[in-house]
Amino acid sequence: MIYEIAIEVPFDYENLCLGVLNAVKPDNITAPSGIEIEMECRNAVLRITVRGFDVGILTIRNTVDDIFMHLLSAYRVLQILTK
């Protein structure tokens, strides 16, 4: 079975989107086996697609939870730095 989750996160401007993308992108390298993560910024919207191939739903959920935690951390840091 293949699971696919698409997430869109709007930002106030493109540079903040790109900063968050660059901050969390290295975390995708350590994704569990069977998980594929794609990320891109377009028009100040971060688009994330998580696909799971022959993995359990809990693996997908945990991966998405990790992505959200990393996004929130990166966003908070970049928000502080851009003030």
C-alpha atoms as a PDB file:
ATOM      1  CA  MET A   1       0.000   0.000   0.000  1.00  0.00           C
ATOM      2  CA  ILE A   2       1.145   3.546  -0.760  1.00  0.00           C
ATOM      3  CA  TYR A   3       0.272   6.460   1.523  1.00  0.00           C
ATOM      4  CA  GLU A   4       0.646  10.064   0.410  1.00  0.00           C
ATOM      5  CA  ILE A   5       0.226  13.189   2.499  1.00  0.00           C
ATOM      6  CA  ALA A   6       0.453  16.700   1.046  1.00  0.00           C
ATOM      7  CA  ILE A   7       1.034  19.698   3.299  1.00  0.00           C
ATOM      8  CA  GLU A   8       1.043  23.378   2.332  1.00  0.00           C
ATOM      9  CA  VAL A   9       2.401  26.031   4.690  1.00  0.00           C
ATOM     10  CA  PRO A  10       1.964  29.674   3.618  1.00  0.00           C
ATOM     11  CA  PHE A  11       4.573  32.256   4.656  1.00  0.00           C
ATOM     12  CA  ASP A  12       4.541  36.040   4.600  1.00  0.00           C
ATOM     13  CA  TYR A  13       7.278  36.182   1.992  1.00  0.00           C
ATOM     14  CA  GLU A  14       9.382  33.912  -0.230  1.00  0.00           C
ATOM     15  CA  ASN A  15      12.696  34.363   1.616  1.00  0.00           C
ATOM     16  CA  LEU A  16      11.192  33.090   4.878  1.00  0.00           C
ATOM     17  CA  CYS A  17       9.791  30.088   3.032  1.00  0.00           C
ATOM     18  CA  LEU A  18      13.194  29.361   1.495  1.00  0.00           C
ATOM     19  CA  GLY A  19      14.927  29.799   4.858  1.00  0.00           C
ATOM     20  CA  VAL A  20      12.626  27.265   6.514  1.00  0.00           C
ATOM     21  CA  LEU A  21      13.016  24.881   3.582  1.00  0.00           C
ATOM     22  CA  ASN A  22      16.816  25.060   3.769  1.00  0.00           C
ATOM     23  CA  ALA A  23      16.731  24.550   7.533  1.00  0.00           C
ATOM     24  CA  VAL A  24      14.606  21.390   7.467  1.00  0.00           C
ATOM     25  CA  LYS A  25      15.758  19.824   4.205  1.00  0.00           C
ATOM     26  CA  PRO A  26      18.772  17.995   5.721  1.00  0.00           C
ATOM     27  CA  ASP A  27      16.398  16.177   8.094  1.00  0.00           C
ATOM     28  CA  ASN A  28      14.848  14.422   5.096  1.00  0.00           C
ATOM     29  CA  ILE A  29      18.077  12.506   4.473  1.00  0.00           C
ATOM     30  CA  THR A  30      17.431  10.405   7.569  1.00  0.00           C
ATOM     31  CA  ALA A  31      13.837   9.509   6.658  1.00  0.00           C
ATOM     32  CA  PRO A  32      12.898   5.914   7.441  1.00  0.00           C
ATOM     33  CA  SER A  33      13.234   3.262   4.775  1.00  0.00           C
ATOM     34  CA  GLY A  34      10.218   3.314   2.481  1.00  0.00           C
ATOM     35  CA  ILE A  35       9.534   7.032   3.067  1.00  0.00           C
ATOM     36  CA  GLU A  36      10.014   9.660   0.354  1.00  0.00           C
ATOM     37  CA  ILE A  37       9.806  13.368   1.168  1.00  0.00           C
ATOM     38  CA  GLU A  38       9.631  16.175  -1.383  1.00  0.00           C
ATOM     39  CA  MET A  39       9.723  19.861  -0.454  1.00  0.00           C
ATOM     40  CA  GLU A  40       9.584  23.053  -2.488  1.00  0.00           C
ATOM     41  CA  CYS A  41       8.785  26.741  -2.067  1.00  0.00           C
ATOM     42  CA  ARG A  42       6.573  28.368  -4.627  1.00  0.00           C
ATOM     43  CA  ASN A  43       5.003  31.802  -4.239  1.00  0.00           C
ATOM     44  CA  ALA A  44       5.870  31.877  -0.509  1.00  0.00           C
ATOM     45  CA  VAL A  45       4.121  28.536   0.084  1.00  0.00           C
ATOM     46  CA  LEU A  46       6.118  25.568   1.341  1.00  0.00           C
ATOM     47  CA  ARG A  47       4.755  22.416  -0.266  1.00  0.00           C
ATOM     48  CA  ILE A  48       5.645  19.116   1.356  1.00  0.00           C
ATOM     49  CA  THR A  49       4.712  15.683   0.041  1.00  0.00           C
ATOM     50  CA  VAL A  50       5.348  12.598   2.152  1.00  0.00           C
ATOM     51  CA  ARG A  51       4.961   9.191   0.513  1.00  0.00           C
ATOM     52  CA  GLY A  52       5.193   5.840   2.234  1.00  0.00           C
ATOM     53  CA  PHE A  53       5.769   2.658   0.292  1.00  0.00           C
ATOM     54  CA  ASP A  54       4.955  -0.569   2.134  1.00  0.00           C
ATOM     55  CA  VAL A  55       5.236   1.057   5.563  1.00  0.00           C
ATOM     56  CA  GLY A  56       2.764   1.251   8.411  1.00  0.00           C
ATOM     57  CA  ILE A  57       0.517   4.243   8.971  1.00  0.00           C
ATOM     58  CA  LEU A  58       2.301   4.952  12.256  1.00  0.00           C
ATOM     59  CA  THR A  59       5.578   5.389  10.370  1.00  0.00           C
ATOM     60  CA  ILE A  60       3.904   7.983   8.154  1.00  0.00           C
ATOM     61  CA  ARG A  61       2.335   9.745  11.131  1.00  0.00           C
ATOM     62  CA  ASN A  62       5.625   9.862  13.046  1.00  0.00           C
ATOM     63  CA  THR A  63       7.431  11.216   9.973  1.00  0.00           C
ATOM     64  CA  VAL A  64       4.840  13.979   9.529  1.00  0.00           C
ATOM     65  CA  ASP A  65       5.025  14.794  13.258  1.00  0.00           C
ATOM     66  CA  ASP A  66       8.810  15.131  12.970  1.00  0.00           C
ATOM     67  CA  ILE A  67       8.458  17.405   9.947  1.00  0.00           C
ATOM     68  CA  PHE A  68       6.032  19.670  11.821  1.00  0.00           C
ATOM     69  CA  MET A  69       8.335  19.880  14.846  1.00  0.00           C
ATOM     70  CA  HIS A  70      11.313  20.808  12.639  1.00  0.00           C
ATOM     71  CA  LEU A  71       9.232  23.337  10.686  1.00  0.00           C
ATOM     72  CA  LEU A  72       8.065  25.050  13.849  1.00  0.00           C
ATOM     73  CA  SER A  73      11.600  25.229  15.278  1.00  0.00           C
ATOM     74  CA  ALA A  74      13.074  26.584  12.041  1.00  0.00           C
ATOM     75  CA  TYR A  75      10.262  29.111  11.631  1.00  0.00           C
ATOM     76  CA  ARG A  76      10.665  30.442  15.166  1.00  0.00           C
ATOM     77  CA  VAL A  77      14.416  30.877  14.786  1.00  0.00           C
ATOM     78  CA  LEU A  78      14.132  32.590  11.409  1.00  0.00           C
ATOM     79  CA  GLN A  79      11.322  34.798  12.655  1.00  0.00           C
ATOM     80  CA  ILE A  80      13.525  36.004  15.520  1.00  0.00           C
ATOM     81  CA  LEU A  81      16.476  36.613  13.192  1.00  0.00           C
ATOM     82  CA  THR A  82      14.451  38.629  10.692  1.00  0.00           C
ATOM     83  CA  LYS A  83      13.017  41.102  13.237  1.00  0.00           C
END
